[in-house]
């Protein structure tokens, strides 16, 4: 007889299978199959994520009784949930009440040498500059929730520059009282660069190009993948190649230094947050969950009240595939975890699916951006059926990922942005993801709309919206 884990994987087989990835097991289907087994003897579990500044986030869930038959499935359910919460909201302390046996295993997993060592080190040492801890507690020991809201953006007064820094290009815009007077996209390759001057010089170059179209510069807003707190770089893929000493001495305060040099207000936010702001502004509606499908996967969220959150929304690392790790299961090259967002909803997804499909590329087409561009060309110009199936797979990944996100976000509008959504491929992604909701989650399909902005906004919208980050009251003119 199959184990409970094996049964759950069978029941999580999607009706909308992903071409070139037949073993994909959507988290949303796995969790639904698990929850169907909950009976009167279910256990209530409270997870609290705590930050050094006193912020506390709560998440409630229910698990099966603690028996040998249920142990592996219970652990996967809670462990994957904690993983999602950490990268959605961010914390250096995880308190677990209601399942001490699972909390004990989590503590081992997140300890040095454990399978989640990367996550613990990232959250503790890099982001919150404090030790990372997982601890079993009693329900009475869970601290009260403390989650403030932030409101920022949609400010158009004055002469503003906005920039969006990606892994393969940097975009910049100049805006005068809400009128876009300049947008530009410049290729660059910062991720493997070991000299921090490369990134700084590129950013300054784009700012000067934009400033040339303005009578003056009143404020600067920025967007980039990574974790930024009060304009300080805590960690970012753009600077992965920079030695630790140079990072601490020059990169951590890079944008603070640029603000001083230009002598204007400068506000920097994660590009996913700017995606969500763009969605809320363009759609005139909220809540909005946005994702940018680029070199990696970025996320952002405007809540039901239209405000931003203090969450991380680093959705590249959240789980979306619950298949058992092993050969054929996509593995993140940074965290070394399996089944996480970037491998399904970014250039990385298109690249790995093309390999699985047996696509042959020219010798000089040897990077993910070039291979994405080639697959988009084949689809747009030749209606290539293999290229169409690759984007169909990405769309199906998205549909199931949105369904799982419904466990963690209040959803209404979902906005897809980024280079992967350009051209005919973007239309296929929206069509297929919408069909997944209609087929597998009809109640969710009634309340959530998946969509894209127009083509110009997709390519330059984040830079324009980033320009609106500094508050109007800081503009002197």
Protein backbone atom coordinates (compact mmCIF):
# COMPACT_ATOMS: atom_id res chain seq x y z
CA UNK A 1 0.00 0.00 0.00
CA UNK A 2 1.27 3.48 -0.87
CA UNK A 3 2.40 5.75 1.96
CA UNK A 4 0.38 8.87 2.70
CA UNK A 5 2.99 11.00 0.94
CA UNK A 6 2.74 8.84 -2.18
CA UNK A 7 -1.05 9.00 -2.09
CA UNK A 8 -0.98 12.77 -1.81
CA UNK A 9 1.38 13.10 -4.76
CA UNK A 10 -0.93 10.93 -6.87
CA UNK A 11 -3.94 13.02 -5.86
CA UNK A 12 -2.01 16.21 -6.68
CA UNK A 13 -1.68 15.22 -10.35
CA UNK A 14 -2.91 18.28 -12.26
CA UNK A 15 -5.73 18.16 -14.78
CA UNK A 16 -3.84 20.83 -16.71
CA UNK A 17 -0.49 19.09 -17.09
CA UNK A 18 2.57 21.19 -17.91
CA UNK A 19 4.24 20.32 -21.23
CA UNK A 20 7.82 19.09 -20.78
CA UNK A 21 7.37 18.78 -17.00
CA UNK A 22 4.96 15.86 -16.48
CA UNK A 23 5.91 15.28 -12.83
CA UNK A 24 4.86 18.76 -11.68
CA UNK A 25 2.73 18.44 -8.54
CA UNK A 26 1.11 21.79 -7.71
CA UNK A 27 1.27 22.83 -4.08
CA UNK A 28 -2.37 23.94 -4.22
CA UNK A 29 -3.55 20.44 -5.22
CA UNK A 30 -1.32 18.69 -2.67
CA UNK A 31 -2.57 20.91 0.15
CA UNK A 32 -6.18 20.41 -0.92
CA UNK A 33 -5.74 16.65 -0.87
CA UNK A 34 -4.11 16.84 2.57
CA UNK A 35 -6.87 18.99 4.04
CA UNK A 36 -9.55 16.58 2.85
CA UNK A 37 -8.15 14.09 5.35
CA UNK A 38 -8.58 16.37 8.35
CA UNK A 39 -11.15 15.06 10.80
CA UNK A 40 -12.42 15.85 14.27
CA UNK A 41 -9.04 14.90 15.75
CA UNK A 42 -7.20 17.62 13.81
CA UNK A 43 -4.65 19.74 15.68
CA UNK A 44 -4.56 23.52 15.60
CA UNK A 45 -1.15 25.03 14.90
CA UNK A 46 -0.09 28.66 15.28
CA UNK A 47 3.01 29.96 13.56
CA UNK A 48 4.39 33.35 14.57
CA UNK A 49 7.17 35.10 12.66
CA UNK A 50 8.99 37.75 14.68
CA UNK A 51 11.49 40.45 13.67
CA UNK A 52 14.03 42.26 15.85
CA UNK A 53 12.05 45.52 15.57
CA UNK A 54 8.99 43.93 17.18
CA UNK A 55 6.95 43.12 14.10
CA UNK A 56 5.04 39.84 14.51
CA UNK A 57 3.09 37.98 11.83
CA UNK A 58 0.61 35.17 12.61
CA UNK A 59 -0.46 32.20 10.51
CA UNK A 60 -3.01 29.59 11.62
CA UNK A 61 -3.29 26.06 10.23
CA UNK A 62 -4.54 22.57 11.11
CA UNK A 63 -2.68 19.27 10.87
CA UNK A 64 -3.38 15.56 11.19
CA UNK A 65 -2.78 13.66 14.47
CA UNK A 66 0.81 12.86 15.39
CA UNK A 67 1.08 9.23 14.22
CA UNK A 68 3.85 7.39 12.34
CA UNK A 69 1.59 7.19 9.29
CA UNK A 70 1.01 10.96 9.24
CA UNK A 71 4.45 12.17 10.31
CA UNK A 72 6.06 12.70 6.89
CA UNK A 73 3.01 14.40 5.37
CA UNK A 74 2.53 16.60 8.44
CA UNK A 75 6.12 17.72 8.30
CA UNK A 76 6.04 18.51 4.58
CA UNK A 77 2.85 20.52 5.03
CA UNK A 78 4.17 22.61 7.93
CA UNK A 79 7.74 22.89 6.63
CA UNK A 80 6.59 24.13 3.21
CA UNK A 81 4.20 26.57 4.89
CA UNK A 82 6.98 27.99 7.08
CA UNK A 83 9.20 28.28 4.01
CA UNK A 84 6.50 30.24 2.16
CA UNK A 85 5.85 32.52 5.15
CA UNK A 86 9.53 33.32 5.63
CA UNK A 87 9.99 34.49 2.06
CA UNK A 88 6.60 36.18 1.90
CA UNK A 89 6.89 38.13 5.15
CA UNK A 90 10.43 37.84 6.50
CA UNK A 91 11.59 37.17 10.07
CA UNK A 92 14.52 35.85 12.05
CA UNK A 93 12.46 34.05 14.72
CA UNK A 94 9.84 31.37 14.06
CA UNK A 95 7.64 30.28 16.96
CA UNK A 96 5.50 27.15 16.52
CA UNK A 97 2.66 26.18 18.86
CA UNK A 98 0.62 22.99 18.58
CA UNK A 99 3.06 20.50 17.03
CA UNK A 100 6.27 20.22 19.09
CA UNK A 101 7.54 17.23 17.13
CA UNK A 102 7.45 19.22 13.88
CA UNK A 103 8.97 22.29 15.53
CA UNK A 104 11.89 20.14 16.69
CA UNK A 105 12.53 18.92 13.14
CA UNK A 106 12.28 22.47 11.80
CA UNK A 107 14.87 23.64 14.32
CA UNK A 108 17.28 21.02 12.99
CA UNK A 109 16.50 21.89 9.36
CA UNK A 110 17.21 25.59 9.93
CA UNK A 111 20.35 25.02 12.01
CA UNK A 112 23.87 25.20 10.50
CA UNK A 113 24.30 22.17 8.28
CA UNK A 114 20.55 21.60 7.97
CA UNK A 115 18.62 21.48 4.71
CA UNK A 116 17.31 25.03 5.25
CA UNK A 117 20.64 26.50 6.31
CA UNK A 118 20.53 28.92 3.38
CA UNK A 119 17.16 30.32 4.43
CA UNK A 120 18.25 30.70 8.06
CA UNK A 121 21.51 32.41 7.10
CA UNK A 122 19.75 34.69 4.62
CA UNK A 123 17.07 35.80 7.07
CA UNK A 124 19.32 36.02 10.11
CA UNK A 125 22.76 37.20 9.06
CA UNK A 126 21.93 39.04 5.83
CA UNK A 127 18.47 40.55 6.26
CA UNK A 128 17.83 41.08 9.96
CA UNK A 129 21.42 41.05 11.23
CA UNK A 130 20.40 38.78 14.13
CA UNK A 131 20.53 35.04 14.95
CA UNK A 132 17.87 32.87 13.31
CA UNK A 133 15.79 30.75 15.71
CA UNK A 134 13.00 28.16 15.39
CA UNK A 135 11.34 27.33 18.70
CA UNK A 136 8.42 25.23 19.96
CA UNK A 137 6.21 27.20 22.36
CA UNK A 138 2.85 26.97 24.07
CA UNK A 139 -0.05 28.85 22.55
CA UNK A 140 0.02 31.25 25.50
CA UNK A 141 3.61 32.19 24.62
CA UNK A 142 2.78 33.42 21.13
CA UNK A 143 3.21 37.23 21.10
CA UNK A 144 0.41 39.43 19.82
CA UNK A 145 0.42 40.22 16.10
CA UNK A 146 2.05 43.53 15.22
CA UNK A 147 1.95 44.30 11.51
CA UNK A 148 1.96 47.96 10.40
CA UNK A 149 0.99 49.08 6.91
CA UNK A 150 2.96 51.42 4.68
CA UNK A 151 1.61 53.83 2.09
CA UNK A 152 3.99 55.02 -0.60
CA UNK A 153 3.92 55.82 -4.31
CA UNK A 154 1.48 57.40 -6.78
CA UNK A 155 3.14 60.79 -6.20
CA UNK A 156 3.69 62.74 -9.41
CA UNK A 157 4.69 66.27 -8.47
CA UNK A 158 7.88 67.75 -9.91
CA UNK A 159 10.71 66.47 -12.06
CA UNK A 160 11.42 62.86 -11.18
CA UNK A 161 13.69 60.03 -12.25
CA UNK A 162 12.70 56.40 -11.85
CA UNK A 163 14.89 53.37 -12.43
CA UNK A 164 14.39 49.61 -12.47
CA UNK A 165 17.49 47.43 -12.21
CA UNK A 166 17.21 43.94 -13.67
CA UNK A 167 19.69 41.16 -14.15
CA UNK A 168 19.96 41.66 -17.92
CA UNK A 169 19.02 45.31 -18.39
CA UNK A 170 18.44 48.52 -16.47
CA UNK A 171 15.48 50.75 -17.30
CA UNK A 172 15.19 54.44 -16.52
CA UNK A 173 12.43 57.03 -16.94
CA UNK A 174 12.09 60.79 -16.62
CA UNK A 175 8.73 62.20 -15.54
CA UNK A 176 7.53 65.83 -15.24
CA UNK A 177 4.33 66.33 -13.20
CA UNK A 178 3.06 62.93 -14.30
CA UNK A 179 4.08 63.25 -17.96
CA UNK A 180 6.61 60.68 -19.18
CA UNK A 181 9.30 62.51 -21.16
CA UNK A 182 11.89 59.75 -21.45
CA UNK A 183 12.24 55.98 -21.10
CA UNK A 184 15.29 53.92 -21.94
CA UNK A 185 16.50 50.36 -21.58
CA UNK A 186 20.24 49.61 -21.44
CA UNK A 187 21.67 46.06 -21.47
CA UNK A 188 24.11 45.11 -18.72
CA UNK A 189 25.34 41.99 -16.92
CA UNK A 190 25.79 42.78 -13.22
CA UNK A 191 25.10 39.44 -11.54
CA UNK A 192 28.56 37.90 -11.93
CA UNK A 193 30.45 41.18 -11.79
CA UNK A 194 32.98 41.28 -8.96
CA UNK A 195 33.85 44.99 -9.11
CA UNK A 196 31.15 47.09 -7.42
CA UNK A 197 32.08 50.09 -9.58
CA UNK A 198 30.40 48.32 -12.53
CA UNK A 199 26.97 48.48 -10.90
CA UNK A 200 27.46 51.98 -9.49
CA UNK A 201 28.71 53.40 -12.77
CA UNK A 202 25.81 51.82 -14.66
CA UNK A 203 23.23 53.28 -12.28
CA UNK A 204 24.81 56.74 -12.44
CA UNK A 205 24.93 56.53 -16.24
CA UNK A 206 21.18 55.82 -16.43
CA UNK A 207 20.39 58.62 -14.00
CA UNK A 208 22.43 61.10 -16.05
CA UNK A 209 20.73 59.96 -19.27
CA UNK A 210 17.33 60.59 -17.70
CA UNK A 211 18.38 63.88 -16.09
CA UNK A 212 19.33 65.20 -19.54
CA UNK A 213 15.59 65.25 -20.35
CA UNK A 214 14.63 67.26 -17.25
CA UNK A 215 15.10 70.93 -16.34
CA UNK A 216 16.07 69.79 -12.84
CA UNK A 217 15.86 66.66 -10.67
CA UNK A 218 13.55 66.85 -7.65
CA UNK A 219 13.47 63.20 -6.59
CA UNK A 220 14.60 59.71 -7.56
CA UNK A 221 12.76 56.44 -7.08
CA UNK A 222 14.24 53.00 -7.64
CA UNK A 223 13.14 49.43 -8.16
CA UNK A 224 15.30 46.31 -8.02
CA UNK A 225 15.20 42.69 -6.96
CA UNK A 226 16.50 42.16 -3.45
CA UNK A 227 15.94 43.18 0.14
CA UNK A 228 16.26 46.87 0.96
CA UNK A 229 15.57 48.48 4.33
CA UNK A 230 15.56 52.27 4.58
CA UNK A 231 17.42 52.45 1.25
CA UNK A 232 20.15 50.17 2.55
CA UNK A 233 21.04 47.08 0.52
CA UNK A 234 20.75 44.02 2.73
CA UNK A 235 21.03 41.49 -0.08
CA UNK A 236 20.39 41.55 -3.84
CA UNK A 237 21.11 39.29 -6.78
CA UNK A 238 22.63 42.22 -8.68
CA UNK A 239 25.51 42.20 -6.20
CA UNK A 240 25.98 38.45 -5.76
CA UNK A 241 29.48 38.57 -7.25
CA UNK A 242 30.77 41.35 -5.01
CA UNK A 243 33.24 40.20 -2.30
CA UNK A 244 31.85 40.48 1.23
CA UNK A 245 34.29 43.19 2.30
CA UNK A 246 33.45 45.40 -0.68
CA UNK A 247 29.74 44.76 -0.17
CA UNK A 248 29.94 45.93 3.45
CA UNK A 249 32.12 48.93 2.63
CA UNK A 250 30.53 50.17 -0.60
CA UNK A 251 27.35 48.35 -1.64
CA UNK A 252 25.32 48.36 1.57
CA UNK A 253 25.13 52.18 1.53
CA UNK A 254 25.33 52.60 -2.25
CA UNK A 255 21.92 54.22 -2.68
CA UNK A 256 22.32 56.37 0.42
CA UNK A 257 25.56 57.63 -1.10
CA UNK A 258 23.87 58.33 -4.46
CA UNK A 259 21.12 60.30 -2.68
CA UNK A 260 23.76 62.45 -0.98
CA UNK A 261 25.63 62.95 -4.24
CA UNK A 262 22.51 64.09 -6.10
CA UNK A 263 21.14 65.94 -3.06
CA UNK A 264 17.54 64.84 -3.63
CA UNK A 265 15.16 62.41 -1.89
CA UNK A 266 15.79 58.84 -3.09
CA UNK A 267 13.46 55.96 -2.27
CA UNK A 268 14.36 52.40 -3.20
CA UNK A 269 11.97 49.44 -3.06
CA UNK A 270 11.94 45.82 -4.12
CA UNK A 271 10.85 45.56 -7.75
CA UNK A 272 7.96 43.33 -6.77
CA UNK A 273 6.54 46.06 -4.55
CA UNK A 274 6.75 48.46 -7.48
CA UNK A 275 4.98 45.87 -9.62
CA UNK A 276 2.10 45.86 -7.14
CA UNK A 277 2.04 49.66 -7.04
CA UNK A 278 1.92 49.72 -10.83
CA UNK A 279 -0.99 47.32 -10.76
CA UNK A 280 -2.97 49.26 -8.19
CA UNK A 281 -2.43 52.54 -10.07
CA UNK A 282 -3.12 51.19 -13.56
CA UNK A 283 -6.12 49.10 -12.53
CA UNK A 284 -7.46 51.62 -10.01
CA UNK A 285 -8.30 48.64 -7.83
CA UNK A 286 -6.92 46.53 -5.00
CA UNK A 287 -5.84 44.18 -3.55
CA UNK A 288 -3.22 43.47 -6.19
CA UNK A 289 -0.65 40.70 -6.15
CA UNK A 290 2.00 41.35 -8.78
CA UNK A 291 4.80 39.19 -10.08
CA UNK A 292 7.66 40.20 -12.36
CA UNK A 293 8.82 37.30 -14.55
CA UNK A 294 12.39 38.30 -15.33
CA UNK A 295 15.86 36.95 -14.64
CA UNK A 296 14.31 35.62 -11.45
CA UNK A 297 10.83 35.98 -9.94
CA UNK A 298 9.85 39.03 -7.91
CA UNK A 299 6.60 39.68 -6.10
CA UNK A 300 4.77 42.57 -4.50
CA UNK A 301 1.45 43.18 -2.84
CA UNK A 302 -0.97 46.04 -2.26
CA UNK A 303 -3.47 44.91 0.35
CA UNK A 304 -7.25 45.28 0.55
CA UNK A 305 -6.82 48.81 1.97
CA UNK A 306 -4.61 49.87 -0.93
CA UNK A 307 -1.53 50.07 1.28
CA UNK A 308 1.83 48.40 0.86
CA UNK A 309 3.10 46.00 3.47
CA UNK A 310 6.43 45.55 5.28
CA UNK A 311 6.62 42.03 3.84
CA UNK A 312 9.56 40.78 1.77
CA UNK A 313 7.51 39.09 -0.97
CA UNK A 314 10.62 37.32 -2.27
CA UNK A 315 8.53 34.84 -4.26
CA UNK A 316 11.49 33.38 -6.13
CA UNK A 317 12.06 31.16 -3.09
CA UNK A 318 8.49 30.21 -2.13
CA UNK A 319 7.45 26.61 -2.89
CA UNK A 320 4.97 25.95 -5.67
CA UNK A 321 5.71 22.28 -6.52
CA UNK A 322 5.35 19.59 -3.83
CA UNK A 323 6.80 16.64 -5.72
CA UNK A 324 9.36 14.64 -3.77
CA UNK A 325 12.84 16.13 -4.41
CA UNK A 326 14.98 14.06 -6.74
CA UNK A 327 16.08 13.73 -10.37
CA UNK A 328 13.90 15.85 -12.62
CA UNK A 329 12.67 18.12 -9.84
CA UNK A 330 13.91 21.66 -10.52
CA UNK A 331 16.48 22.81 -7.99
CA UNK A 332 17.29 26.42 -7.22
CA UNK A 333 20.97 27.10 -7.86
CA UNK A 334 21.24 29.54 -4.95
CA UNK A 335 19.22 28.08 -2.07
CA UNK A 336 19.54 24.47 -3.38
CA UNK A 337 15.90 23.90 -2.47
CA UNK A 338 13.49 22.17 -4.84
CA UNK A 339 10.20 23.22 -6.41
CA UNK A 340 10.48 26.97 -5.76
CA UNK A 341 9.04 29.86 -7.77
CA UNK A 342 11.98 31.06 -9.87
CA UNK A 343 12.28 27.71 -11.63
CA UNK A 344 8.67 27.98 -12.84
CA UNK A 345 7.97 31.67 -13.48
CA UNK A 346 11.07 33.35 -14.91
CA UNK A 347 13.68 33.13 -17.66
CA UNK A 348 14.99 30.11 -15.77
CA UNK A 349 11.70 28.30 -16.41
CA UNK A 350 11.81 28.97 -20.14
CA UNK A 351 15.43 27.83 -20.28
CA UNK A 352 14.92 24.55 -18.44
CA UNK A 353 11.73 23.73 -20.38
CA UNK A 354 13.56 24.35 -23.66
CA UNK A 355 16.23 21.87 -22.60
CA UNK A 356 13.56 19.32 -21.64
CA UNK A 357 11.91 19.86 -25.03
CA UNK A 358 15.20 19.16 -26.83
CA UNK A 359 15.44 22.63 -28.38
CA UNK A 360 18.70 23.24 -30.21
CA UNK A 361 20.21 26.71 -29.95
CA UNK A 362 22.97 28.37 -31.93
CA UNK A 363 26.39 28.32 -30.19
CA UNK A 364 26.19 32.04 -29.43
CA UNK A 365 22.69 31.67 -27.91
CA UNK A 366 24.13 30.49 -24.61
CA UNK A 367 22.50 32.63 -21.92
CA UNK A 368 19.00 32.60 -20.44
CA UNK A 369 18.07 36.09 -21.76
CA UNK A 370 19.18 35.12 -25.28
CA UNK A 371 17.34 31.81 -25.13
CA UNK A 372 14.18 33.50 -23.92
CA UNK A 373 14.45 36.01 -26.75
CA UNK A 374 14.94 33.19 -29.26
CA UNK A 375 11.89 31.25 -28.02
CA UNK A 376 9.81 34.42 -28.16
CA UNK A 377 11.04 35.06 -31.71
CA UNK A 378 10.16 31.53 -32.78
CA UNK A 379 6.69 31.92 -31.33
CA UNK A 380 6.01 35.46 -32.59
CA UNK A 381 7.47 35.00 -36.10
CA UNK A 382 7.06 31.28 -36.81
CA UNK A 383 4.24 30.14 -34.50
CA UNK A 384 6.60 27.40 -33.39
CA UNK A 385 4.53 24.73 -31.55
CA UNK A 386 7.36 23.82 -29.15
CA UNK A 387 7.76 27.46 -28.14
CA UNK A 388 3.99 27.69 -27.70
CA UNK A 389 4.03 24.65 -25.39
CA UNK A 390 6.84 26.16 -23.31
CA UNK A 391 4.78 29.28 -22.63
CA UNK A 392 1.73 27.10 -22.11
CA UNK A 393 3.64 25.29 -19.35
CA UNK A 394 4.62 28.60 -17.74
CA UNK A 395 0.99 29.68 -17.83
CA UNK A 396 -0.13 26.48 -16.13
CA UNK A 397 2.56 26.86 -13.49
CA UNK A 398 1.20 30.35 -12.88
CA UNK A 399 -2.40 29.24 -12.51
CA UNK A 400 -1.55 26.71 -9.81
CA UNK A 401 0.85 29.15 -8.14
CA UNK A 402 -1.90 31.78 -7.88
CA UNK A 403 -4.21 29.18 -6.36
CA UNK A 404 -1.64 28.34 -3.68
CA UNK A 405 -0.99 32.04 -3.04
CA UNK A 406 -4.65 32.30 -2.05
CA UNK A 407 -3.66 30.58 1.22
CA UNK A 408 -1.38 33.49 2.09
CA UNK A 409 -2.79 36.59 0.38
CA UNK A 410 -6.23 38.15 0.00
CA UNK A 411 -6.57 38.01 -3.79
CA UNK A 412 -8.61 39.94 -6.32
CA UNK A 413 -6.35 41.15 -9.13
CA UNK A 414 -3.17 39.42 -10.25
CA UNK A 415 -0.77 41.34 -12.47
CA UNK A 416 1.96 39.66 -14.52
CA UNK A 417 4.95 41.75 -15.61
CA UNK A 418 8.47 41.16 -16.86
CA UNK A 419 10.29 40.16 -20.01
CA UNK A 420 8.88 36.61 -20.05
CA UNK A 421 5.37 38.03 -20.57
CA UNK A 422 6.29 39.98 -23.73
CA UNK A 423 4.81 39.08 -27.10
CA UNK A 424 2.50 36.18 -27.91
CA UNK A 425 3.95 34.18 -25.03
CA UNK A 426 2.38 36.57 -22.54
CA UNK A 427 -1.06 36.05 -24.05
CA UNK A 428 -0.62 32.28 -23.78
CA UNK A 429 0.50 32.59 -20.15
CA UNK A 430 -2.62 34.59 -19.22
CA UNK A 431 -4.95 32.28 -21.15
CA UNK A 432 -3.53 29.09 -19.67
CA UNK A 433 -3.32 30.37 -16.09
CA UNK A 434 -6.91 31.58 -16.25
CA UNK A 435 -8.00 28.21 -17.60
CA UNK A 436 -6.28 26.43 -14.70
CA UNK A 437 -8.36 28.45 -12.23
CA UNK A 438 -11.56 27.76 -14.15
CA UNK A 439 -10.79 24.05 -14.41
CA UNK A 440 -9.40 23.25 -10.96
CA UNK A 441 -10.54 26.16 -8.72
CA UNK A 442 -13.82 27.55 -10.12
CA UNK A 443 -14.68 29.48 -6.94
CA UNK A 444 -11.30 31.24 -7.07
CA UNK A 445 -11.74 31.93 -10.78
CA UNK A 446 -14.89 33.89 -9.92
CA UNK A 447 -13.04 36.33 -7.67
CA UNK A 448 -9.49 36.56 -9.09
CA UNK A 449 -8.56 38.02 -12.47
CA UNK A 450 -5.13 37.32 -13.96
CA UNK A 451 -3.99 39.99 -16.40
CA UNK A 452 -1.15 42.04 -17.89
CA UNK A 453 -0.70 45.76 -18.54
CA UNK A 454 -0.14 47.03 -22.06
CA UNK A 455 3.17 46.27 -23.77
CA UNK A 456 4.79 49.66 -23.12
CA UNK A 457 3.90 49.55 -19.44
CA UNK A 458 5.26 46.03 -19.17
CA UNK A 459 8.68 47.04 -20.45
CA UNK A 460 9.06 50.44 -18.80
CA UNK A 461 6.20 50.69 -16.31
CA UNK A 462 8.21 49.77 -13.25
CA UNK A 463 10.73 52.55 -13.85
CA UNK A 464 7.91 55.08 -14.29
CA UNK A 465 6.07 53.92 -11.17
CA UNK A 466 9.33 53.87 -9.20
CA UNK A 467 9.64 57.58 -9.94
CA UNK A 468 6.45 58.14 -7.90
CA UNK A 469 7.87 56.66 -4.68
CA UNK A 470 9.21 59.84 -3.02
CA UNK A 471 6.29 61.70 -1.35
CA UNK A 472 5.09 64.92 -2.97
CA UNK A 473 5.72 66.89 0.21
CA UNK A 474 9.47 66.34 -0.22
CA UNK A 475 9.48 68.13 -3.57
CA UNK A 476 10.83 71.67 -3.14
CA UNK A 477 9.69 73.12 -6.44
